[in-house]
Each structure stands twice: as C-alpha cells, then as structure tokens.
Amino acid sequence: TIANMGFGNSFDLVNMPEDKKKGQNRGYFFLNLFNETIAMQFREAIQGHIWDKAGLECPVEPAVAKWADVQGLEANRVVIDRAVRTRRKRPGKRNRAKGH
C-alpha cells in the first residue's frame, strides 16, 4: 500500500475512478500529495512498482507515474464534484417489456 511505501501521511486526496460496467477500479488512481518534493519522491518510489496480486482477477502491470492535468486539492475537488453532478443529471435507463 501507499502507507507501506512511507507515504501514508503525505496526501490529502485519493481518486480511484470506477469502471461502471465492470464495477471495479479502472486500473489507475489520482493522488494529491502535499508538495512537489513529496510528489517527486513518490514518483520515484512508485515507478515500476508491482502491486500485490492477491485477490486480483487481471494481470498486474508495473506502476507508471505521470503528472495529472489537474493539480491541487481544491482543483481536484471541483473536477470530482462536476463529474458527480453530471452523473446525477443523466437519465436512468428504463426497463421496457419486449414488444412495447
């Protein structure tokens, strides 16, 4: 885990987007670290890391760290809130009986 890597108290936001069709994580996450120094240390530590495969149904690829387009806690909250509001506005699929 991130805590086991020494970064347990170094971030204030984790965003793990869900694949709605599969009901599981899409295979990546966004982590908002407290400052650029910690971010550089985390990037170095995570690059190529292989997660524990226990309980996973798919092959595990080595981790690849990339800078996100959105930076900072408040900016990430805005993006997440916007995504949640957009999902709530979408009309649900209606069940229709065959032949109607």
PDB file of N, CA and C in Angstrom:
ATOM      1  N   THR A   1       0.823  -1.188   0.000  1.00  0.00           N
ATOM      2  CA  THR A   1       0.000   0.000   0.000  1.00  0.00           C
ATOM      3  C   THR A   1       0.869   1.254   0.000  1.00  0.00           C
ATOM      4  N   ILE A   2       0.220   2.363  -0.221  1.00  0.00           N
ATOM      5  CA  ILE A   2       0.933   3.637  -0.220  1.00  0.00           C
ATOM      6  C   ILE A   2       1.533   3.900   1.156  1.00  0.00           C
ATOM      7  N   ALA A   3       0.801   3.544   2.210  1.00  0.00           N
ATOM      8  CA  ALA A   3       1.316   3.725   3.574  1.00  0.00           C
ATOM      9  C   ALA A   3       2.567   2.883   3.796  1.00  0.00           C
ATOM     10  N   ASN A   4       2.563   1.660   3.302  1.00  0.00           N
ATOM     11  CA  ASN A   4       3.731   0.786   3.449  1.00  0.00           C
ATOM     12  C   ASN A   4       4.950   1.317   2.707  1.00  0.00           C
ATOM     13  N   MET A   5       4.725   2.168   1.726  1.00  0.00           N
ATOM     14  CA  MET A   5       5.830   2.755   0.970  1.00  0.00           C
ATOM     15  C   MET A   5       6.369   4.014   1.664  1.00  0.00           C
ATOM     16  N   GLY A   6       5.750   4.393   2.789  1.00  0.00           N
ATOM     17  CA  GLY A   6       6.220   5.544   3.545  1.00  0.00           C
ATOM     18  C   GLY A   6       5.511   6.848   3.230  1.00  0.00           C
ATOM     19  N   PHE A   7       4.390   6.781   2.512  1.00  0.00           N
ATOM     20  CA  PHE A   7       3.682   7.999   2.105  1.00  0.00           C
ATOM     21  C   PHE A   7       2.285   8.097   2.712  1.00  0.00           C
ATOM     22  N   GLY A   8       2.028   7.366   3.779  1.00  0.00           N
ATOM     23  CA  GLY A   8       0.697   7.325   4.379  1.00  0.00           C
ATOM     24  C   GLY A   8       0.174   8.656   4.868  1.00  0.00           C
ATOM     25  N   ASN A   9       1.050   9.556   5.274  1.00  0.00           N
ATOM     26  CA  ASN A   9       0.632  10.867   5.776  1.00  0.00           C
ATOM     27  C   ASN A   9       1.057  11.987   4.843  1.00  0.00           C
ATOM     28  N   SER A  10       1.174  11.685   3.564  1.00  0.00           N
ATOM     29  CA  SER A  10       1.718  12.650   2.607  1.00  0.00           C
ATOM     30  C   SER A  10       0.719  13.145   1.577  1.00  0.00           C
ATOM     31  N   PHE A  11      -0.553  12.777   1.725  1.00  0.00           N
ATOM     32  CA  PHE A  11      -1.542  13.167   0.721  1.00  0.00           C
ATOM     33  C   PHE A  11      -2.867  13.507   1.388  1.00  0.00           C
ATOM     34  N   ASP A  12      -3.694  14.261   0.653  1.00  0.00           N
ATOM     35  CA  ASP A  12      -4.989  14.657   1.185  1.00  0.00           C
ATOM     36  C   ASP A  12      -6.153  14.255   0.284  1.00  0.00           C
ATOM     37  N   LEU A  13      -5.881  13.550  -0.797  1.00  0.00           N
ATOM     38  CA  LEU A  13      -6.960  13.126  -1.677  1.00  0.00           C
ATOM     39  C   LEU A  13      -6.511  11.919  -2.495  1.00  0.00           C
ATOM     40  N   VAL A  14      -7.386  10.931  -2.584  1.00  0.00           N
ATOM     41  CA  VAL A  14      -7.204   9.791  -3.488  1.00  0.00           C
ATOM     42  C   VAL A  14      -8.464   9.688  -4.314  1.00  0.00           C
ATOM     43  N   ASN A  15      -8.315   9.617  -5.621  1.00  0.00           N
ATOM     44  CA  ASN A  15      -9.449   9.454  -6.524  1.00  0.00           C
ATOM     45  C   ASN A  15      -9.183   8.214  -7.355  1.00  0.00           C
ATOM     46  N   MET A  16     -10.036   7.203  -7.196  1.00  0.00           N
ATOM     47  CA  MET A  16      -9.904   5.951  -7.943  1.00  0.00           C
ATOM     48  C   MET A  16     -11.128   5.797  -8.839  1.00  0.00           C
ATOM     49  N   PRO A  17     -11.065   6.295 -10.074  1.00  0.00           N
ATOM     50  CA  PRO A  17     -12.226   6.215 -10.966  1.00  0.00           C
ATOM     51  C   PRO A  17     -12.693   4.770 -11.166  1.00  0.00           C
ATOM     52  N   GLU A  18     -14.004   4.610 -11.199  1.00  0.00           N
ATOM     53  CA  GLU A  18     -14.602   3.286 -11.325  1.00  0.00           C
ATOM     54  C   GLU A  18     -15.077   3.029 -12.749  1.00  0.00           C
ATOM     55  N   ASP A  19     -14.833   1.820 -13.222  1.00  0.00           N
ATOM     56  CA  ASP A  19     -15.407   1.354 -14.481  1.00  0.00           C
ATOM     57  C   ASP A  19     -16.812   0.871 -14.144  1.00  0.00           C
ATOM     58  N   LYS A  20     -17.822   1.631 -14.538  1.00  0.00           N
ATOM     59  CA  LYS A  20     -19.200   1.330 -14.160  1.00  0.00           C
ATOM     60  C   LYS A  20     -19.683  -0.022 -14.687  1.00  0.00           C
ATOM     61  N   LYS A  21     -19.226  -0.405 -15.868  1.00  0.00           N
ATOM     62  CA  LYS A  21     -19.661  -1.680 -16.447  1.00  0.00           C
ATOM     63  C   LYS A  21     -19.102  -2.863 -15.670  1.00  0.00           C
ATOM     64  N   LYS A  22     -17.859  -2.763 -15.235  1.00  0.00           N
ATOM     65  CA  LYS A  22     -17.210  -3.860 -14.524  1.00  0.00           C
ATOM     66  C   LYS A  22     -17.357  -3.751 -13.009  1.00  0.00           C
ATOM     67  N   GLY A  23     -17.730  -2.565 -12.525  1.00  0.00           N
ATOM     68  CA  GLY A  23     -17.892  -2.370 -11.098  1.00  0.00           C
ATOM     69  C   GLY A  23     -16.581  -2.437 -10.333  1.00  0.00           C
ATOM     70  N   GLN A  24     -15.505  -1.982 -10.967  1.00  0.00           N
ATOM     71  CA  GLN A  24     -14.197  -2.016 -10.308  1.00  0.00           C
ATOM     72  C   GLN A  24     -13.354  -0.834 -10.766  1.00  0.00           C
ATOM     73  N   ASN A  25     -12.231  -0.646 -10.100  1.00  0.00           N
ATOM     74  CA  ASN A  25     -11.313   0.433 -10.456  1.00  0.00           C
ATOM     75  C   ASN A  25     -10.855   0.265 -11.899  1.00  0.00           C
ATOM     76  N   ARG A  26     -10.628   1.386 -12.571  1.00  0.00           N
ATOM     77  CA  ARG A  26     -10.180   1.361 -13.973  1.00  0.00           C
ATOM     78  C   ARG A  26      -8.716   0.965 -14.122  1.00  0.00           C
ATOM     79  N   GLY A  27      -8.008   0.841 -13.017  1.00  0.00           N
ATOM     80  CA  GLY A  27      -6.609   0.422 -13.088  1.00  0.00           C
ATOM     81  C   GLY A  27      -5.642   1.570 -12.850  1.00  0.00           C
ATOM     82  N   TYR A  28      -6.165   2.703 -12.420  1.00  0.00           N
ATOM     83  CA  TYR A  28      -5.301   3.829 -12.096  1.00  0.00           C
ATOM     84  C   TYR A  28      -5.952   4.654 -10.998  1.00  0.00           C
ATOM     85  N   PHE A  29      -5.162   5.544 -10.402  1.00  0.00           N
ATOM     86  CA  PHE A  29      -5.701   6.433  -9.378  1.00  0.00           C
ATOM     87  C   PHE A  29      -4.983   7.770  -9.430  1.00  0.00           C
ATOM     88  N   PHE A  30      -5.626   8.768  -8.828  1.00  0.00           N
ATOM     89  CA  PHE A  30      -5.036  10.094  -8.700  1.00  0.00           C
ATOM     90  C   PHE A  30      -4.773  10.327  -7.223  1.00  0.00           C
ATOM     91  N   LEU A  31      -3.592  10.798  -6.918  1.00  0.00           N
ATOM     92  CA  LEU A  31      -3.190  11.041  -5.541  1.00  0.00           C
ATOM     93  C   LEU A  31      -2.700  12.480  -5.442  1.00  0.00           C
ATOM     94  N   ASN A  32      -3.289  13.256  -4.544  1.00  0.00           N
ATOM     95  CA  ASN A  32      -2.843  14.632  -4.357  1.00  0.00           C
ATOM     96  C   ASN A  32      -1.888  14.684  -3.174  1.00  0.00           C
ATOM     97  N   LEU A  33      -0.608  14.828  -3.478  1.00  0.00           N
ATOM     98  CA  LEU A  33       0.424  14.890  -2.448  1.00  0.00           C
ATOM     99  C   LEU A  33       0.599  16.324  -1.967  1.00  0.00           C
ATOM    100  N   PHE A  34       1.122  16.488  -0.758  1.00  0.00           N
ATOM    101  CA  PHE A  34       1.173  17.804  -0.108  1.00  0.00           C
ATOM    102  C   PHE A  34       2.078  18.818  -0.787  1.00  0.00           C
ATOM    103  N   ASN A  35       3.159  18.375  -1.403  1.00  0.00           N
ATOM    104  CA  ASN A  35       4.049  19.344  -2.051  1.00  0.00           C
ATOM    105  C   ASN A  35       4.869  18.665  -3.143  1.00  0.00           C
ATOM    106  N   GLU A  36       5.576  19.475  -3.914  1.00  0.00           N
ATOM    107  CA  GLU A  36       6.328  18.968  -5.063  1.00  0.00           C
ATOM    108  C   GLU A  36       7.461  18.031  -4.652  1.00  0.00           C
ATOM    109  N   THR A  37       8.116  18.291  -3.533  1.00  0.00           N
ATOM    110  CA  THR A  37       9.209  17.417  -3.063  1.00  0.00           C
ATOM    111  C   THR A  37       8.683  16.018  -2.781  1.00  0.00           C
ATOM    112  N   ILE A  38       7.567  15.939  -2.052  1.00  0.00           N
ATOM    113  CA  ILE A  38       6.965  14.630  -1.762  1.00  0.00           C
ATOM    114  C   ILE A  38       6.508  13.974  -3.048  1.00  0.00           C
ATOM    115  N   ALA A  39       5.938  14.754  -3.967  1.00  0.00           N
ATOM    116  CA  ALA A  39       5.473  14.201  -5.243  1.00  0.00           C
ATOM    117  C   ALA A  39       6.634  13.586  -6.027  1.00  0.00           C
ATOM    118  N   MET A  40       7.770  14.250  -6.043  1.00  0.00           N
ATOM    119  CA  MET A  40       8.940  13.711  -6.750  1.00  0.00           C
ATOM    120  C   MET A  40       9.427  12.422  -6.080  1.00  0.00           C
ATOM    121  N   GLN A  41       9.438  12.394  -4.742  1.00  0.00           N
ATOM    122  CA  GLN A  41       9.847  11.194  -4.014  1.00  0.00           C
ATOM    123  C   GLN A  41       8.874  10.048  -4.280  1.00  0.00           C
ATOM    124  N   PHE A  42       7.585  10.358  -4.280  1.00  0.00           N
ATOM    125  CA  PHE A  42       6.584   9.328  -4.550  1.00  0.00           C
ATOM    126  C   PHE A  42       6.716   8.801  -5.966  1.00  0.00           C
ATOM    127  N   ARG A  43       6.895   9.698  -6.903  1.00  0.00           N
ATOM    128  CA  ARG A  43       7.036   9.280  -8.302  1.00  0.00           C
ATOM    129  C   ARG A  43       8.218   8.334  -8.471  1.00  0.00           C
ATOM    130  N   GLU A  44       9.311   8.646  -7.827  1.00  0.00           N
ATOM    131  CA  GLU A  44      10.497   7.781  -7.896  1.00  0.00           C
ATOM    132  C   GLU A  44      10.226   6.427  -7.239  1.00  0.00           C
ATOM    133  N   ALA A  45       9.522   6.420  -6.114  1.00  0.00           N
ATOM    134  CA  ALA A  45       9.240   5.176  -5.390  1.00  0.00           C
ATOM    135  C   ALA A  45       8.239   4.290  -6.116  1.00  0.00           C
ATOM    136  N   ILE A  46       7.248   4.891  -6.767  1.00  0.00           N
ATOM    137  CA  ILE A  46       6.159   4.124  -7.370  1.00  0.00           C
ATOM    138  C   ILE A  46       6.489   3.624  -8.781  1.00  0.00           C
ATOM    139  N   GLN A  47       7.352   4.334  -9.472  1.00  0.00           N
ATOM    140  CA  GLN A  47       7.679   3.980 -10.862  1.00  0.00           C
ATOM    141  C   GLN A  47       8.185   2.535 -10.933  1.00  0.00           C
ATOM    142  N   GLY A  48       7.459   1.683 -11.647  1.00  0.00           N
ATOM    143  CA  GLY A  48       7.843   0.288 -11.814  1.00  0.00           C
ATOM    144  C   GLY A  48       7.410  -0.634 -10.687  1.00  0.00           C
ATOM    145  N   HIS A  49       6.781  -0.076  -9.649  1.00  0.00           N
ATOM    146  CA  HIS A  49       6.319  -0.890  -8.510  1.00  0.00           C
ATOM    147  C   HIS A  49       5.284  -1.906  -8.994  1.00  0.00           C
ATOM    148  N   ILE A  50       5.335  -3.109  -8.461  1.00  0.00           N
ATOM    149  CA  ILE A  50       4.345  -4.136  -8.802  1.00  0.00           C
ATOM    150  C   ILE A  50       3.511  -4.402  -7.556  1.00  0.00           C
ATOM    151  N   TRP A  51       2.207  -4.185  -7.677  1.00  0.00           N
ATOM    152  CA  TRP A  51       1.291  -4.363  -6.557  1.00  0.00           C
ATOM    153  C   TRP A  51       1.087  -5.832  -6.255  1.00  0.00           C
ATOM    154  N   ASP A  52       0.683  -6.142  -5.048  1.00  0.00           N
ATOM    155  CA  ASP A  52       0.359  -7.500  -4.630  1.00  0.00           C
ATOM    156  C   ASP A  52      -0.805  -8.005  -5.475  1.00  0.00           C
ATOM    157  N   LYS A  53      -0.663  -9.174  -6.053  1.00  0.00           N
ATOM    158  CA  LYS A  53      -1.677  -9.708  -6.966  1.00  0.00           C
ATOM    159  C   LYS A  53      -2.814 -10.430  -6.244  1.00  0.00           C
ATOM    160  N   ALA A  54      -2.712 -10.603  -4.932  1.00  0.00           N
ATOM    161  CA  ALA A  54      -3.717 -11.359  -4.181  1.00  0.00           C
ATOM    162  C   ALA A  54      -5.111 -10.787  -4.405  1.00  0.00           C
ATOM    163  N   GLY A  55      -6.036 -11.639  -4.815  1.00  0.00           N
ATOM    164  CA  GLY A  55      -7.426 -11.246  -4.995  1.00  0.00           C
ATOM    165  C   GLY A  55      -7.734 -10.530  -6.298  1.00  0.00           C
ATOM    166  N   LEU A  56      -6.750 -10.345  -7.146  1.00  0.00           N
ATOM    167  CA  LEU A  56      -6.995  -9.649  -8.412  1.00  0.00           C
ATOM    168  C   LEU A  56      -7.255 -10.658  -9.523  1.00  0.00           C
ATOM    169  N   GLU A  57      -8.186 -10.301 -10.405  1.00  0.00           N
ATOM    170  CA  GLU A  57      -8.556 -11.196 -11.497  1.00  0.00           C
ATOM    171  C   GLU A  57      -7.756 -10.937 -12.772  1.00  0.00           C
ATOM    172  N   CYS A  58      -7.026  -9.850 -12.814  1.00  0.00           N
ATOM    173  CA  CYS A  58      -6.316  -9.492 -14.035  1.00  0.00           C
ATOM    174  C   CYS A  58      -4.813  -9.437 -13.761  1.00  0.00           C
ATOM    175  N   PRO A  59      -4.011  -9.527 -14.805  1.00  0.00           N
ATOM    176  CA  PRO A  59      -2.566  -9.419 -14.605  1.00  0.00           C
ATOM    177  C   PRO A  59      -2.201  -8.030 -14.094  1.00  0.00           C
ATOM    178  N   VAL A  60      -1.185  -7.966 -13.277  1.00  0.00           N
ATOM    179  CA  VAL A  60      -0.761  -6.692 -12.704  1.00  0.00           C
ATOM    180  C   VAL A  60       0.456  -6.185 -13.458  1.00  0.00           C
ATOM    181  N   GLU A  61       0.333  -4.988 -13.980  1.00  0.00           N
ATOM    182  CA  GLU A  61       1.425  -4.347 -14.708  1.00  0.00           C
ATOM    183  C   GLU A  61       2.226  -3.476 -13.744  1.00  0.00           C
ATOM    184  N   PRO A  62       3.512  -3.272 -14.020  1.00  0.00           N
ATOM    185  CA  PRO A  62       4.288  -2.346 -13.184  1.00  0.00           C
ATOM    186  C   PRO A  62       3.671  -0.945 -13.220  1.00  0.00           C
ATOM    187  N   ALA A  63       3.710  -0.262 -12.087  1.00  0.00           N
ATOM    188  CA  ALA A  63       3.130   1.073 -11.986  1.00  0.00           C
ATOM    189  C   ALA A  63       3.897   2.074 -12.841  1.00  0.00           C
ATOM    190  N   VAL A  64       3.147   3.008 -13.403  1.00  0.00           N
ATOM    191  CA  VAL A  64       3.714   4.108 -14.183  1.00  0.00           C
ATOM    192  C   VAL A  64       3.179   5.398 -13.570  1.00  0.00           C
ATOM    193  N   ALA A  65       4.049   6.269 -13.139  1.00  0.00           N
ATOM    194  CA  ALA A  65       3.640   7.537 -12.531  1.00  0.00           C
ATOM    195  C   ALA A  65       3.677   8.642 -13.574  1.00  0.00           C
ATOM    196  N   LYS A  66       2.602   9.420 -13.616  1.00  0.00           N
ATOM    197  CA  LYS A  66       2.506  10.556 -14.538  1.00  0.00           C
ATOM    198  C   LYS A  66       1.920  11.734 -13.772  1.00  0.00           C
ATOM    199  N   TRP A  67       2.274  12.936 -14.189  1.00  0.00           N
ATOM    200  CA  TRP A  67       1.671  14.129 -13.604  1.00  0.00           C
ATOM    201  C   TRP A  67       0.264  14.276 -14.167  1.00  0.00           C
ATOM    202  N   ALA A  68      -0.681  14.586 -13.310  1.00  0.00           N
ATOM    203  CA  ALA A  68      -2.060  14.799 -13.738  1.00  0.00           C
ATOM    204  C   ALA A  68      -2.209  16.203 -14.315  1.00  0.00           C
ATOM    205  N   ASP A  69      -3.199  16.363 -15.181  1.00  0.00           N
ATOM    206  CA  ASP A  69      -3.502  17.683 -15.745  1.00  0.00           C
ATOM    207  C   ASP A  69      -4.009  18.634 -14.662  1.00  0.00           C
ATOM    208  N   VAL A  70      -4.758  18.094 -13.701  1.00  0.00           N
ATOM    209  CA  VAL A  70      -5.323  18.905 -12.623  1.00  0.00           C
ATOM    210  C   VAL A  70      -4.426  18.759 -11.396  1.00  0.00           C
ATOM    211  N   GLN A  71      -4.017  19.880 -10.821  1.00  0.00           N
ATOM    212  CA  GLN A  71      -3.115  19.876  -9.673  1.00  0.00           C
ATOM    213  C   GLN A  71      -3.750  20.604  -8.503  1.00  0.00           C
ATOM    214  N   GLY A  72      -3.584  20.070  -7.297  1.00  0.00           N
ATOM    215  CA  GLY A  72      -4.050  20.719  -6.078  1.00  0.00           C
ATOM    216  C   GLY A  72      -5.375  20.185  -5.588  1.00  0.00           C
ATOM    217  N   LEU A  73      -5.552  20.237  -4.272  1.00  0.00           N
ATOM    218  CA  LEU A  73      -6.749  19.694  -3.637  1.00  0.00           C
ATOM    219  C   LEU A  73      -8.028  20.379  -4.118  1.00  0.00           C
ATOM    220  N   GLU A  74      -8.073  21.681  -4.078  1.00  0.00           N
ATOM    221  CA  GLU A  74      -9.298  22.389  -4.461  1.00  0.00           C
ATOM    222  C   GLU A  74      -9.646  22.170  -5.932  1.00  0.00           C
ATOM    223  N   ALA A  75      -8.662  22.213  -6.800  1.00  0.00           N
ATOM    224  CA  ALA A  75      -8.914  21.999  -8.228  1.00  0.00           C
ATOM    225  C   ALA A  75      -9.438  20.581  -8.464  1.00  0.00           C
ATOM    226  N   ASN A  76      -8.912  19.595  -7.755  1.00  0.00           N
ATOM    227  CA  ASN A  76      -9.395  18.222  -7.891  1.00  0.00           C
ATOM    228  C   ASN A  76     -10.814  18.081  -7.362  1.00  0.00           C
ATOM    229  N   ARG A  77     -11.121  18.751  -6.262  1.00  0.00           N
ATOM    230  CA  ARG A  77     -12.488  18.697  -5.723  1.00  0.00           C
ATOM    231  C   ARG A  77     -13.491  19.255  -6.729  1.00  0.00           C
ATOM    232  N   VAL A  78     -13.132  20.322  -7.402  1.00  0.00           N
ATOM    233  CA  VAL A  78     -14.019  20.909  -8.415  1.00  0.00           C
ATOM    234  C   VAL A  78     -14.292  19.896  -9.521  1.00  0.00           C
ATOM    235  N   VAL A  79     -13.256  19.238 -10.011  1.00  0.00           N
ATOM    236  CA  VAL A  79     -13.412  18.250 -11.089  1.00  0.00           C
ATOM    237  C   VAL A  79     -14.267  17.074 -10.628  1.00  0.00           C
ATOM    238  N   ILE A  80     -14.017  16.578  -9.425  1.00  0.00           N
ATOM    239  CA  ILE A  80     -14.783  15.445  -8.909  1.00  0.00           C
ATOM    240  C   ILE A  80     -16.239  15.837  -8.694  1.00  0.00           C
ATOM    241  N   ASP A  81     -16.482  16.995  -8.089  1.00  0.00           N
ATOM    242  CA  ASP A  81     -17.858  17.454  -7.868  1.00  0.00           C
ATOM    243  C   ASP A  81     -18.612  17.608  -9.184  1.00  0.00           C
ATOM    244  N   ARG A  82     -17.939  18.159 -10.199  1.00  0.00           N
ATOM    245  CA  ARG A  82     -18.560  18.329 -11.517  1.00  0.00           C
ATOM    246  C   ARG A  82     -18.938  16.966 -12.106  1.00  0.00           C
ATOM    247  N   ALA A  83     -18.057  15.980 -11.967  1.00  0.00           N
ATOM    248  CA  ALA A  83     -18.334  14.639 -12.502  1.00  0.00           C
ATOM    249  C   ALA A  83     -19.518  14.006 -11.782  1.00  0.00           C
ATOM    250  N   VAL A  84     -19.599  14.183 -10.480  1.00  0.00           N
ATOM    251  CA  VAL A  84     -20.715  13.626  -9.712  1.00  0.00           C
ATOM    252  C   VAL A  84     -22.028  14.274 -10.138  1.00  0.00           C
ATOM    253  N   ARG A  85     -22.037  15.601 -10.283  1.00  0.00           N
ATOM    254  CA  ARG A  85     -23.258  16.295 -10.713  1.00  0.00           C
ATOM    255  C   ARG A  85     -23.688  15.856 -12.105  1.00  0.00           C
ATOM    256  N   THR A  86     -22.731  15.659 -12.996  1.00  0.00           N
ATOM    257  CA  THR A  86     -23.045  15.220 -14.363  1.00  0.00           C
ATOM    258  C   THR A  86     -23.683  13.841 -14.347  1.00  0.00           C
ATOM    259  N   ARG A  87     -23.150  12.929 -13.530  1.00  0.00           N
ATOM    260  CA  ARG A  87     -23.725  11.578 -13.441  1.00  0.00           C
ATOM    261  C   ARG A  87     -25.144  11.625 -12.904  1.00  0.00           C
ATOM    262  N   ARG A  88     -25.398  12.486 -11.942  1.00  0.00           N
ATOM    263  CA  ARG A  88     -26.738  12.581 -11.350  1.00  0.00           C
ATOM    264  C   ARG A  88     -27.758  13.122 -12.341  1.00  0.00           C
ATOM    265  N   LYS A  89     -27.344  13.948 -13.280  1.00  0.00           N
ATOM    266  CA  LYS A  89     -28.255  14.554 -14.253  1.00  0.00           C
ATOM    267  C   LYS A  89     -28.638  13.600 -15.368  1.00  0.00           C
ATOM    268  N   ARG A  90     -27.827  12.570 -15.602  1.00  0.00           N
ATOM    269  CA  ARG A  90     -28.125  11.642 -16.695  1.00  0.00           C
ATOM    270  C   ARG A  90     -29.358  10.825 -16.351  1.00  0.00           C
ATOM    271  N   PRO A  91     -30.278  10.744 -17.293  1.00  0.00           N
ATOM    272  CA  PRO A  91     -31.484   9.945 -17.023  1.00  0.00           C
ATOM    273  C   PRO A  91     -31.128   8.462 -16.933  1.00  0.00           C
ATOM    274  N   GLY A  92     -31.795   7.773 -16.019  1.00  0.00           N
ATOM    275  CA  GLY A  92     -31.556   6.344 -15.861  1.00  0.00           C
ATOM    276  C   GLY A  92     -32.144   5.563 -17.011  1.00  0.00           C
ATOM    277  N   LYS A  93     -31.609   4.382 -17.233  1.00  0.00           N
ATOM    278  CA  LYS A  93     -32.157   3.526 -18.289  1.00  0.00           C
ATOM    279  C   LYS A  93     -33.464   2.925 -17.792  1.00  0.00           C
ATOM    280  N   ARG A  94     -34.454   2.955 -18.628  1.00  0.00           N
ATOM    281  CA  ARG A  94     -35.755   2.433 -18.249  1.00  0.00           C
ATOM    282  C   ARG A  94     -35.892   1.006 -18.750  1.00  0.00           C
ATOM    283  N   ASN A  95     -36.466   0.176 -17.911  1.00  0.00           N
ATOM    284  CA  ASN A  95     -36.723  -1.203 -18.325  1.00  0.00           C
ATOM    285  C   ASN A  95     -38.002  -1.226 -19.144  1.00  0.00           C
ATOM    286  N   ARG A  96     -37.924  -1.785 -20.307  1.00  0.00           N
ATOM    287  CA  ARG A  96     -39.095  -1.867 -21.167  1.00  0.00           C
ATOM    288  C   ARG A  96     -39.390  -3.341 -21.450  1.00  0.00           C
ATOM    289  N   ALA A  97     -40.664  -3.642 -21.435  1.00  0.00           N
ATOM    290  CA  ALA A  97     -41.084  -5.013 -21.757  1.00  0.00           C
ATOM    291  C   ALA A  97     -40.907  -5.237 -23.252  1.00  0.00           C
ATOM    292  N   LYS A  98     -40.593  -6.461 -23.619  1.00  0.00           N
ATOM    293  CA  LYS A  98     -40.409  -6.795 -25.028  1.00  0.00           C
ATOM    294  C   LYS A  98     -41.707  -6.562 -25.774  1.00  0.00           C
ATOM    295  N   GLY A  99     -41.584  -6.025 -26.984  1.00  0.00           N
ATOM    296  CA  GLY A  99     -42.743  -5.837 -27.832  1.00  0.00           C
ATOM    297  C   GLY A  99     -43.423  -4.485 -27.635  1.00  0.00           C
ATOM    298  N   HIS A 100     -42.952  -3.679 -26.727  1.00  0.00           N
ATOM    299  CA  HIS A 100     -43.587  -2.367 -26.494  1.00  0.00           C
ATOM    300  C   HIS A 100     -42.677  -1.255 -26.920  1.00  0.00           C
TER     301      HIS A 100
END
